[in-house]
Amino acid sequence: MTARWVVDEVAPQRDLRITWQPISLLFKNEVDESHERYDVYYSTHRMLRVMESVRAALGDAPVGDLYWEYGRRIHHDQEREFDIADALTAVGLDPTHATAADDEAWDVPIRDRMAVGIELAGEDIGTPIIAFDDRRGVKQAYFGPVITRVPDTEDSLAMWDGLVAMMNIEGFWELKRTRTERPEFGPRP
């Protein structure tokens, strides 16, 4: 939902250039095969390997398209297990990138890219992470915001502007409240 908020509502109004970076919950949470969420984490980790293969071959631009296709299949179609080659084909990418899903060599760039976000936002975070330069030109990052639906444009921009303002305050660290509802993904984009 945070990704939809930034891409659909904020980026067009605030002239943002978005670069998608991986965060593997398999690596972040250091789970092994006995963990109850291992299969879910491993499945999405395999998708990240494919995204890094695409990035290495074609740059950052097509990574976003693949991210959205994964999201449509997982959140809108309720498909947890799908053919990654089909997802690649659906967004006009070479389906042979799907072989990267089982290639551990892609774990190196995943770990390297994750390390940047974690170094900026801290170890005690999850996903999403949003990073940008503050008014002093220093790259800063937030964990979050975690939202369950995309606000209308006016509220989306107010929330973004508030985050930007807080990013500029030295000593500001955290806001949090308990989530009481599940995400509302809306129609399939």
N, C-alpha and C. Protein backbone atom coordinates (compact mmCIF):
# COMPACT_ATOMS: atom_id res chain seq x y z
N MET A 1 0.83 -1.19 0.00
CA MET A 1 0.00 0.00 0.00
C MET A 1 0.87 1.25 0.00
N THR A 2 1.99 1.19 0.72
CA THR A 2 2.88 2.34 0.75
C THR A 2 3.44 2.61 -0.64
N ALA A 3 3.79 1.56 -1.36
CA ALA A 3 4.30 1.73 -2.71
C ALA A 3 3.25 2.38 -3.61
N ARG A 4 2.01 1.91 -3.52
CA ARG A 4 0.94 2.50 -4.35
C ARG A 4 0.77 3.97 -3.98
N TRP A 5 0.81 4.28 -2.70
CA TRP A 5 0.67 5.67 -2.23
C TRP A 5 1.74 6.56 -2.86
N VAL A 6 2.98 6.13 -2.76
CA VAL A 6 4.07 6.95 -3.29
C VAL A 6 3.97 7.08 -4.80
N VAL A 7 3.77 5.97 -5.50
CA VAL A 7 3.77 5.98 -6.97
C VAL A 7 2.54 6.67 -7.54
N ASP A 8 1.37 6.33 -7.03
CA ASP A 8 0.14 6.84 -7.63
C ASP A 8 -0.21 8.26 -7.21
N GLU A 9 0.02 8.59 -5.96
CA GLU A 9 -0.45 9.87 -5.44
C GLU A 9 0.65 10.91 -5.24
N VAL A 10 1.81 10.48 -4.74
CA VAL A 10 2.84 11.45 -4.36
C VAL A 10 3.80 11.76 -5.50
N ALA A 11 4.35 10.74 -6.12
CA ALA A 11 5.39 10.96 -7.13
C ALA A 11 4.98 11.92 -8.24
N PRO A 12 3.79 11.80 -8.80
CA PRO A 12 3.42 12.74 -9.88
C PRO A 12 3.31 14.19 -9.41
N GLN A 13 2.94 14.39 -8.14
CA GLN A 13 2.74 15.74 -7.61
C GLN A 13 4.01 16.36 -7.04
N ARG A 14 4.98 15.50 -6.68
CA ARG A 14 6.21 15.99 -6.04
C ARG A 14 7.44 15.69 -6.90
N ASP A 15 7.22 15.30 -8.14
CA ASP A 15 8.29 15.06 -9.10
C ASP A 15 9.37 14.14 -8.52
N LEU A 16 8.95 13.00 -8.00
CA LEU A 16 9.87 12.05 -7.40
C LEU A 16 10.36 11.06 -8.45
N ARG A 17 11.61 10.68 -8.34
CA ARG A 17 12.19 9.60 -9.14
C ARG A 17 12.40 8.44 -8.18
N ILE A 18 11.78 7.31 -8.45
CA ILE A 18 11.78 6.18 -7.53
C ILE A 18 12.74 5.10 -8.03
N THR A 19 13.57 4.63 -7.13
CA THR A 19 14.43 3.48 -7.39
C THR A 19 14.05 2.40 -6.39
N TRP A 20 13.61 1.26 -6.90
CA TRP A 20 13.19 0.16 -6.05
C TRP A 20 14.41 -0.61 -5.58
N GLN A 21 14.44 -0.91 -4.29
CA GLN A 21 15.53 -1.67 -3.71
C GLN A 21 14.95 -2.90 -3.00
N PRO A 22 15.72 -3.99 -2.95
CA PRO A 22 15.20 -5.20 -2.31
C PRO A 22 15.37 -5.18 -0.80
N ILE A 23 14.44 -5.83 -0.13
CA ILE A 23 14.64 -6.21 1.26
C ILE A 23 14.09 -7.63 1.39
N SER A 24 14.94 -8.53 1.76
CA SER A 24 14.58 -9.93 1.89
C SER A 24 14.24 -10.22 3.35
N LEU A 25 13.00 -10.58 3.60
CA LEU A 25 12.62 -10.95 4.96
C LEU A 25 13.28 -12.26 5.38
N LEU A 26 13.65 -13.07 4.39
CA LEU A 26 14.41 -14.29 4.69
C LEU A 26 15.74 -13.93 5.32
N PHE A 27 16.43 -12.94 4.76
CA PHE A 27 17.71 -12.49 5.32
C PHE A 27 17.50 -11.61 6.55
N LYS A 28 16.56 -10.68 6.47
CA LYS A 28 16.36 -9.73 7.56
C LYS A 28 16.00 -10.44 8.86
N ASN A 29 15.11 -11.42 8.77
CA ASN A 29 14.64 -12.12 9.96
C ASN A 29 15.47 -13.37 10.28
N GLU A 30 16.43 -13.68 9.42
CA GLU A 30 17.35 -14.81 9.63
C GLU A 30 16.61 -16.08 10.01
N VAL A 31 15.64 -16.45 9.18
CA VAL A 31 14.85 -17.65 9.47
C VAL A 31 15.45 -18.87 8.78
N ASP A 32 15.22 -20.03 9.37
CA ASP A 32 15.64 -21.27 8.73
C ASP A 32 14.39 -22.04 8.31
N GLU A 33 14.59 -23.21 7.74
CA GLU A 33 13.47 -23.97 7.17
C GLU A 33 12.43 -24.41 8.19
N SER A 34 12.76 -24.37 9.46
CA SER A 34 11.79 -24.76 10.48
C SER A 34 10.84 -23.63 10.86
N HIS A 35 11.13 -22.41 10.44
CA HIS A 35 10.31 -21.25 10.79
C HIS A 35 8.96 -21.32 10.06
N GLU A 36 7.89 -20.94 10.74
CA GLU A 36 6.54 -21.04 10.17
C GLU A 36 6.34 -20.19 8.91
N ARG A 37 7.12 -19.12 8.74
CA ARG A 37 6.98 -18.25 7.57
C ARG A 37 8.06 -18.49 6.51
N TYR A 38 8.87 -19.54 6.72
CA TYR A 38 9.99 -19.78 5.82
C TYR A 38 9.54 -19.86 4.36
N ASP A 39 8.51 -20.62 4.05
CA ASP A 39 8.09 -20.80 2.66
C ASP A 39 7.70 -19.47 2.01
N VAL A 40 6.99 -18.62 2.75
CA VAL A 40 6.60 -17.31 2.22
C VAL A 40 7.83 -16.45 1.99
N TYR A 41 8.72 -16.40 2.97
CA TYR A 41 9.93 -15.59 2.85
C TYR A 41 10.82 -16.09 1.71
N TYR A 42 10.94 -17.39 1.59
CA TYR A 42 11.79 -17.95 0.53
C TYR A 42 11.19 -17.68 -0.85
N SER A 43 9.89 -17.79 -0.95
CA SER A 43 9.21 -17.53 -2.23
C SER A 43 9.46 -16.09 -2.69
N THR A 44 9.28 -15.13 -1.80
CA THR A 44 9.50 -13.74 -2.20
C THR A 44 10.99 -13.45 -2.39
N HIS A 45 11.83 -14.15 -1.66
CA HIS A 45 13.28 -14.00 -1.86
C HIS A 45 13.68 -14.42 -3.27
N ARG A 46 13.10 -15.49 -3.75
CA ARG A 46 13.37 -15.95 -5.12
C ARG A 46 12.96 -14.87 -6.13
N MET A 47 11.86 -14.18 -5.85
CA MET A 47 11.43 -13.10 -6.74
C MET A 47 12.44 -11.96 -6.74
N LEU A 48 13.01 -11.68 -5.58
CA LEU A 48 14.03 -10.63 -5.49
C LEU A 48 15.26 -10.98 -6.33
N ARG A 49 15.64 -12.24 -6.32
CA ARG A 49 16.77 -12.67 -7.16
C ARG A 49 16.49 -12.35 -8.63
N VAL A 50 15.28 -12.63 -9.06
CA VAL A 50 14.92 -12.34 -10.45
C VAL A 50 14.94 -10.84 -10.71
N MET A 51 14.45 -10.05 -9.77
CA MET A 51 14.49 -8.59 -9.93
C MET A 51 15.92 -8.10 -10.07
N GLU A 52 16.84 -8.68 -9.30
CA GLU A 52 18.24 -8.26 -9.41
C GLU A 52 18.86 -8.69 -10.73
N SER A 53 18.44 -9.82 -11.26
CA SER A 53 18.89 -10.24 -12.58
C SER A 53 18.42 -9.25 -13.65
N VAL A 54 17.17 -8.84 -13.54
CA VAL A 54 16.62 -7.85 -14.47
C VAL A 54 17.38 -6.53 -14.34
N ARG A 55 17.62 -6.09 -13.10
CA ARG A 55 18.33 -4.83 -12.87
C ARG A 55 19.73 -4.88 -13.49
N ALA A 56 20.42 -6.00 -13.29
CA ALA A 56 21.79 -6.13 -13.81
C ALA A 56 21.81 -6.06 -15.33
N ALA A 57 20.79 -6.60 -15.96
CA ALA A 57 20.75 -6.63 -17.43
C ALA A 57 20.21 -5.34 -18.04
N LEU A 58 19.23 -4.71 -17.37
CA LEU A 58 18.49 -3.63 -18.01
C LEU A 58 18.43 -2.33 -17.21
N GLY A 59 19.01 -2.29 -16.01
CA GLY A 59 18.96 -1.09 -15.19
C GLY A 59 17.74 -1.08 -14.29
N ASP A 60 17.55 0.04 -13.60
CA ASP A 60 16.49 0.16 -12.60
C ASP A 60 15.08 0.23 -13.18
N ALA A 61 14.91 0.79 -14.36
CA ALA A 61 13.57 1.09 -14.88
C ALA A 61 12.61 -0.10 -14.90
N PRO A 62 12.99 -1.26 -15.44
CA PRO A 62 12.01 -2.35 -15.51
C PRO A 62 11.75 -3.05 -14.19
N VAL A 63 12.55 -2.78 -13.16
CA VAL A 63 12.36 -3.43 -11.86
C VAL A 63 10.98 -3.06 -11.30
N GLY A 64 10.58 -1.81 -11.44
CA GLY A 64 9.28 -1.38 -10.95
C GLY A 64 8.13 -2.11 -11.62
N ASP A 65 8.21 -2.31 -12.92
CA ASP A 65 7.15 -3.03 -13.63
C ASP A 65 7.02 -4.46 -13.12
N LEU A 66 8.15 -5.10 -12.88
CA LEU A 66 8.10 -6.47 -12.37
C LEU A 66 7.57 -6.49 -10.94
N TYR A 67 7.96 -5.52 -10.14
CA TYR A 67 7.45 -5.41 -8.76
C TYR A 67 5.92 -5.32 -8.77
N TRP A 68 5.37 -4.48 -9.65
CA TRP A 68 3.90 -4.34 -9.72
C TRP A 68 3.24 -5.63 -10.18
N GLU A 69 3.87 -6.32 -11.12
CA GLU A 69 3.28 -7.58 -11.58
C GLU A 69 3.26 -8.61 -10.46
N TYR A 70 4.35 -8.71 -9.72
CA TYR A 70 4.35 -9.60 -8.56
C TYR A 70 3.23 -9.21 -7.60
N GLY A 71 3.09 -7.93 -7.32
CA GLY A 71 2.07 -7.45 -6.39
C GLY A 71 0.66 -7.76 -6.86
N ARG A 72 0.40 -7.58 -8.16
CA ARG A 72 -0.93 -7.91 -8.70
C ARG A 72 -1.25 -9.38 -8.46
N ARG A 73 -0.29 -10.22 -8.77
CA ARG A 73 -0.52 -11.66 -8.64
C ARG A 73 -0.69 -12.08 -7.17
N ILE A 74 0.13 -11.54 -6.28
CA ILE A 74 0.08 -11.93 -4.87
C ILE A 74 -1.14 -11.32 -4.17
N HIS A 75 -1.33 -10.02 -4.29
CA HIS A 75 -2.34 -9.33 -3.50
C HIS A 75 -3.72 -9.29 -4.14
N HIS A 76 -3.79 -9.17 -5.44
CA HIS A 76 -5.09 -9.06 -6.10
C HIS A 76 -5.62 -10.41 -6.57
N ASP A 77 -4.73 -11.23 -7.13
CA ASP A 77 -5.15 -12.52 -7.65
C ASP A 77 -5.04 -13.63 -6.59
N GLN A 78 -4.45 -13.28 -5.42
CA GLN A 78 -4.26 -14.25 -4.34
C GLN A 78 -3.47 -15.48 -4.80
N GLU A 79 -2.52 -15.25 -5.69
CA GLU A 79 -1.63 -16.31 -6.17
C GLU A 79 -0.31 -16.19 -5.42
N ARG A 80 -0.03 -17.09 -4.54
CA ARG A 80 1.25 -17.08 -3.83
C ARG A 80 2.31 -17.83 -4.64
N GLU A 81 1.86 -18.83 -5.38
CA GLU A 81 2.80 -19.61 -6.17
C GLU A 81 2.40 -19.46 -7.63
N PHE A 82 3.25 -18.77 -8.38
CA PHE A 82 3.00 -18.58 -9.80
C PHE A 82 4.31 -18.74 -10.54
N ASP A 83 4.21 -18.92 -11.82
CA ASP A 83 5.40 -19.08 -12.66
C ASP A 83 6.04 -17.71 -12.87
N ILE A 84 7.23 -17.53 -12.34
CA ILE A 84 7.91 -16.24 -12.45
C ILE A 84 8.17 -15.89 -13.91
N ALA A 85 8.42 -16.89 -14.74
CA ALA A 85 8.62 -16.62 -16.17
C ALA A 85 7.38 -15.99 -16.78
N ASP A 86 6.19 -16.42 -16.34
CA ASP A 86 4.94 -15.80 -16.82
C ASP A 86 4.84 -14.34 -16.39
N ALA A 87 5.25 -14.06 -15.16
CA ALA A 87 5.23 -12.67 -14.68
C ALA A 87 6.18 -11.81 -15.51
N LEU A 88 7.36 -12.33 -15.80
CA LEU A 88 8.31 -11.59 -16.65
C LEU A 88 7.72 -11.32 -18.02
N THR A 89 7.13 -12.34 -18.63
CA THR A 89 6.53 -12.19 -19.95
C THR A 89 5.40 -11.17 -19.93
N ALA A 90 4.62 -11.17 -18.85
CA ALA A 90 3.48 -10.24 -18.74
C ALA A 90 3.91 -8.78 -18.80
N VAL A 91 5.14 -8.49 -18.37
CA VAL A 91 5.62 -7.10 -18.40
C VAL A 91 6.66 -6.87 -19.49
N GLY A 92 6.72 -7.80 -20.44
CA GLY A 92 7.59 -7.61 -21.60
C GLY A 92 9.06 -7.86 -21.35
N LEU A 93 9.38 -8.67 -20.32
CA LEU A 93 10.77 -8.98 -20.02
C LEU A 93 11.09 -10.41 -20.43
N ASP A 94 12.35 -10.66 -20.68
CA ASP A 94 12.82 -11.97 -21.10
C ASP A 94 12.54 -13.00 -20.00
N PRO A 95 11.75 -14.02 -20.29
CA PRO A 95 11.41 -15.01 -19.25
C PRO A 95 12.60 -15.82 -18.77
N THR A 96 13.73 -15.78 -19.47
CA THR A 96 14.89 -16.54 -19.00
C THR A 96 15.47 -15.96 -17.72
N HIS A 97 15.10 -14.73 -17.35
CA HIS A 97 15.53 -14.19 -16.06
C HIS A 97 15.00 -15.03 -14.91
N ALA A 98 13.96 -15.81 -15.14
CA ALA A 98 13.38 -16.65 -14.08
C ALA A 98 14.39 -17.65 -13.52
N THR A 99 15.40 -18.00 -14.29
CA THR A 99 16.40 -18.94 -13.79
C THR A 99 17.17 -18.36 -12.60
N ALA A 100 17.19 -17.04 -12.48
CA ALA A 100 17.87 -16.39 -11.36
C ALA A 100 17.22 -16.73 -10.03
N ALA A 101 15.97 -17.16 -10.04
CA ALA A 101 15.25 -17.45 -8.79
C ALA A 101 15.98 -18.48 -7.93
N ASP A 102 16.68 -19.38 -8.57
CA ASP A 102 17.38 -20.44 -7.83
C ASP A 102 18.90 -20.27 -7.83
N ASP A 103 19.36 -19.09 -8.23
CA ASP A 103 20.79 -18.82 -8.31
C ASP A 103 21.23 -17.98 -7.11
N GLU A 104 21.92 -18.60 -6.17
CA GLU A 104 22.35 -17.92 -4.95
C GLU A 104 23.33 -16.78 -5.20
N ALA A 105 23.92 -16.72 -6.39
CA ALA A 105 24.84 -15.62 -6.70
C ALA A 105 24.12 -14.27 -6.59
N TRP A 106 22.80 -14.24 -6.80
CA TRP A 106 22.03 -12.99 -6.72
C TRP A 106 21.82 -12.54 -5.28
N ASP A 107 22.14 -13.40 -4.32
CA ASP A 107 22.02 -13.01 -2.91
C ASP A 107 23.01 -11.91 -2.53
N VAL A 108 24.13 -11.86 -3.23
CA VAL A 108 25.14 -10.83 -2.92
C VAL A 108 24.60 -9.44 -3.19
N PRO A 109 24.07 -9.14 -4.40
CA PRO A 109 23.52 -7.79 -4.59
C PRO A 109 22.30 -7.51 -3.71
N ILE A 110 21.52 -8.54 -3.40
CA ILE A 110 20.38 -8.33 -2.50
C ILE A 110 20.90 -7.88 -1.13
N ARG A 111 21.85 -8.60 -0.59
CA ARG A 111 22.42 -8.23 0.72
C ARG A 111 23.06 -6.84 0.68
N ASP A 112 23.79 -6.55 -0.39
CA ASP A 112 24.45 -5.24 -0.50
C ASP A 112 23.44 -4.11 -0.54
N ARG A 113 22.39 -4.26 -1.32
CA ARG A 113 21.36 -3.21 -1.43
C ARG A 113 20.56 -3.09 -0.14
N MET A 114 20.26 -4.22 0.48
CA MET A 114 19.56 -4.19 1.77
C MET A 114 20.38 -3.46 2.82
N ALA A 115 21.69 -3.70 2.81
CA ALA A 115 22.57 -3.11 3.82
C ALA A 115 22.50 -1.59 3.78
N VAL A 116 22.35 -1.02 2.60
CA VAL A 116 22.26 0.44 2.48
C VAL A 116 21.01 0.94 3.21
N GLY A 117 19.87 0.33 2.94
CA GLY A 117 18.63 0.76 3.59
C GLY A 117 18.66 0.55 5.08
N ILE A 118 19.18 -0.58 5.52
CA ILE A 118 19.23 -0.87 6.95
C ILE A 118 20.21 0.06 7.66
N GLU A 119 21.32 0.38 6.99
CA GLU A 119 22.26 1.32 7.59
C GLU A 119 21.60 2.69 7.77
N LEU A 120 20.77 3.09 6.83
CA LEU A 120 20.08 4.38 6.93
C LEU A 120 18.96 4.37 7.96
N ALA A 121 18.16 3.29 7.98
CA ALA A 121 16.96 3.27 8.82
C ALA A 121 17.17 2.57 10.15
N GLY A 122 18.15 1.69 10.26
CA GLY A 122 18.41 0.98 11.50
C GLY A 122 18.06 -0.49 11.43
N GLU A 123 18.61 -1.24 12.34
CA GLU A 123 18.41 -2.69 12.37
C GLU A 123 17.00 -3.10 12.80
N ASP A 124 16.36 -2.29 13.64
CA ASP A 124 15.07 -2.69 14.22
C ASP A 124 13.90 -2.23 13.35
N ILE A 125 14.02 -2.46 12.06
CA ILE A 125 12.99 -2.02 11.12
C ILE A 125 12.55 -3.21 10.27
N GLY A 126 11.56 -2.96 9.45
CA GLY A 126 11.08 -3.94 8.49
C GLY A 126 10.93 -3.26 7.15
N THR A 127 9.85 -3.57 6.49
CA THR A 127 9.59 -2.98 5.19
C THR A 127 8.20 -2.36 5.23
N PRO A 128 7.99 -1.23 4.62
CA PRO A 128 8.83 -0.53 3.65
C PRO A 128 9.84 0.41 4.31
N ILE A 129 10.84 0.75 3.53
CA ILE A 129 11.81 1.78 3.88
C ILE A 129 11.74 2.83 2.78
N ILE A 130 11.65 4.08 3.17
CA ILE A 130 11.70 5.19 2.22
C ILE A 130 12.92 6.02 2.56
N ALA A 131 13.75 6.29 1.56
CA ALA A 131 14.96 7.08 1.77
C ALA A 131 15.01 8.23 0.78
N PHE A 132 15.47 9.37 1.27
CA PHE A 132 15.70 10.53 0.40
C PHE A 132 16.62 11.50 1.12
N ASP A 133 17.12 12.48 0.40
CA ASP A 133 18.01 13.47 0.99
C ASP A 133 17.20 14.50 1.78
N ASP A 134 17.68 14.82 2.99
CA ASP A 134 17.04 15.86 3.77
C ASP A 134 17.47 17.24 3.23
N ARG A 135 17.03 18.30 3.85
CA ARG A 135 17.32 19.64 3.33
C ARG A 135 18.81 19.98 3.37
N ARG A 136 19.58 19.23 4.17
CA ARG A 136 21.03 19.44 4.23
C ARG A 136 21.76 18.60 3.19
N GLY A 137 21.00 17.79 2.42
CA GLY A 137 21.60 16.93 1.42
C GLY A 137 22.13 15.61 1.96
N VAL A 138 21.70 15.28 3.18
CA VAL A 138 22.13 14.03 3.81
C VAL A 138 21.03 12.99 3.60
N LYS A 139 21.40 11.83 3.04
CA LYS A 139 20.41 10.77 2.82
C LYS A 139 19.95 10.24 4.17
N GLN A 140 18.64 10.21 4.34
CA GLN A 140 17.99 9.72 5.56
C GLN A 140 16.95 8.68 5.14
N ALA A 141 16.48 7.90 6.09
CA ALA A 141 15.47 6.90 5.76
C ALA A 141 14.49 6.70 6.91
N TYR A 142 13.31 6.27 6.53
CA TYR A 142 12.25 5.87 7.46
C TYR A 142 11.90 4.42 7.22
N PHE A 143 11.52 3.73 8.28
CA PHE A 143 10.74 2.51 8.14
C PHE A 143 9.30 2.99 8.10
N GLY A 144 8.62 2.67 7.04
CA GLY A 144 7.22 3.08 6.89
C GLY A 144 7.08 4.21 5.91
N PRO A 145 5.93 4.82 5.86
CA PRO A 145 4.78 4.53 6.70
C PRO A 145 4.08 3.24 6.29
N VAL A 146 3.53 2.56 7.27
CA VAL A 146 2.72 1.38 7.03
C VAL A 146 1.29 1.87 6.98
N ILE A 147 0.66 1.69 5.83
CA ILE A 147 -0.73 2.15 5.66
C ILE A 147 -1.58 1.00 5.13
N THR A 148 -2.86 1.05 5.41
CA THR A 148 -3.75 -0.02 4.97
C THR A 148 -4.56 0.36 3.73
N ARG A 149 -4.52 1.62 3.36
CA ARG A 149 -5.18 2.06 2.13
C ARG A 149 -4.50 3.33 1.66
N VAL A 150 -4.64 3.62 0.37
CA VAL A 150 -4.04 4.82 -0.19
C VAL A 150 -4.98 6.00 0.05
N PRO A 151 -4.50 7.02 0.75
CA PRO A 151 -5.35 8.20 0.97
C PRO A 151 -5.61 8.94 -0.35
N ASP A 152 -6.63 9.79 -0.35
CA ASP A 152 -6.86 10.61 -1.53
C ASP A 152 -5.66 11.53 -1.74
N THR A 153 -5.61 12.17 -2.87
CA THR A 153 -4.42 12.96 -3.24
C THR A 153 -4.08 14.02 -2.20
N GLU A 154 -5.06 14.76 -1.73
CA GLU A 154 -4.79 15.82 -0.76
C GLU A 154 -4.17 15.25 0.52
N ASP A 155 -4.76 14.18 1.04
CA ASP A 155 -4.21 13.58 2.26
C ASP A 155 -2.87 12.90 2.00
N SER A 156 -2.71 12.32 0.83
CA SER A 156 -1.43 11.69 0.47
C SER A 156 -0.31 12.71 0.47
N LEU A 157 -0.57 13.86 -0.11
CA LEU A 157 0.46 14.90 -0.16
C LEU A 157 0.73 15.48 1.21
N ALA A 158 -0.30 15.63 2.02
CA ALA A 158 -0.11 16.13 3.39
C ALA A 158 0.75 15.15 4.18
N MET A 159 0.49 13.85 4.03
CA MET A 159 1.28 12.86 4.74
C MET A 159 2.73 12.88 4.26
N TRP A 160 2.93 12.95 2.96
CA TRP A 160 4.30 13.01 2.42
C TRP A 160 5.03 14.25 2.94
N ASP A 161 4.37 15.38 2.85
CA ASP A 161 5.01 16.62 3.29
C ASP A 161 5.35 16.56 4.78
N GLY A 162 4.50 15.91 5.57
CA GLY A 162 4.79 15.73 6.98
C GLY A 162 6.03 14.86 7.20
N LEU A 163 6.15 13.79 6.41
CA LEU A 163 7.33 12.93 6.52
C LEU A 163 8.60 13.69 6.14
N VAL A 164 8.50 14.48 5.08
CA VAL A 164 9.66 15.27 4.66
C VAL A 164 10.04 16.25 5.77
N ALA A 165 9.05 16.91 6.35
CA ALA A 165 9.33 17.86 7.43
C ALA A 165 10.00 17.17 8.62
N MET A 166 9.49 16.00 9.02
CA MET A 166 10.07 15.29 10.15
C MET A 166 11.48 14.80 9.84
N MET A 167 11.75 14.46 8.57
CA MET A 167 13.08 14.01 8.18
C MET A 167 14.12 15.10 8.42
N ASN A 168 13.68 16.34 8.37
CA ASN A 168 14.60 17.46 8.54
C ASN A 168 14.84 17.83 10.00
N ILE A 169 14.19 17.17 10.92
CA ILE A 169 14.33 17.47 12.34
C ILE A 169 15.33 16.50 12.96
N GLU A 170 16.49 17.01 13.34
CA GLU A 170 17.46 16.17 14.01
C GLU A 170 16.88 15.74 15.35
N GLY A 171 17.03 14.49 15.67
CA GLY A 171 16.51 13.99 16.93
C GLY A 171 15.15 13.34 16.80
N PHE A 172 14.45 13.50 15.66
CA PHE A 172 13.17 12.79 15.48
C PHE A 172 13.46 11.36 15.08
N TRP A 173 12.79 10.40 15.74
CA TRP A 173 13.06 8.99 15.46
C TRP A 173 11.84 8.16 15.13
N GLU A 174 10.74 8.31 15.82
CA GLU A 174 9.71 7.30 15.66
C GLU A 174 8.32 7.81 15.98
N LEU A 175 7.36 7.33 15.20
CA LEU A 175 5.93 7.43 15.49
C LEU A 175 5.38 6.02 15.33
N LYS A 176 4.40 5.64 16.11
CA LYS A 176 3.82 4.32 15.94
C LYS A 176 2.48 4.25 16.65
N ARG A 177 1.57 3.47 16.05
CA ARG A 177 0.35 3.08 16.75
C ARG A 177 -0.03 1.69 16.26
N THR A 178 -0.83 1.02 17.02
CA THR A 178 -1.20 -0.35 16.71
C THR A 178 -2.14 -0.38 15.50
N ARG A 179 -1.83 -1.29 14.60
CA ARG A 179 -2.67 -1.46 13.41
C ARG A 179 -3.92 -2.24 13.79
N THR A 180 -5.08 -1.75 13.37
CA THR A 180 -6.34 -2.40 13.72
C THR A 180 -7.12 -2.88 12.50
N GLU A 181 -6.53 -2.77 11.31
CA GLU A 181 -7.22 -3.23 10.10
C GLU A 181 -6.21 -3.79 9.11
N ARG A 182 -6.70 -4.61 8.21
CA ARG A 182 -5.87 -5.21 7.18
C ARG A 182 -5.81 -4.29 5.96
N PRO A 183 -4.81 -4.46 5.10
CA PRO A 183 -4.72 -3.64 3.90
C PRO A 183 -5.95 -3.83 3.00
N GLU A 184 -6.33 -2.76 2.35
CA GLU A 184 -7.42 -2.77 1.36
C GLU A 184 -6.78 -2.48 0.01
N PHE A 185 -6.54 -3.53 -0.77
CA PHE A 185 -5.78 -3.38 -2.00
C PHE A 185 -6.55 -2.75 -3.15
N GLY A 186 -7.87 -2.73 -3.06
CA GLY A 186 -8.65 -2.12 -4.13
C GLY A 186 -8.63 -2.96 -5.39
N PRO A 187 -9.09 -2.38 -6.51
CA PRO A 187 -9.13 -3.14 -7.76
C PRO A 187 -7.73 -3.44 -8.28
N ARG A 188 -7.63 -4.50 -9.06
CA ARG A 188 -6.35 -4.90 -9.65
C ARG A 188 -5.89 -3.84 -10.64
N PRO A 189 -4.69 -3.26 -10.41
CA PRO A 189 -4.22 -2.23 -11.34
C PRO A 189 -3.78 -2.81 -12.67
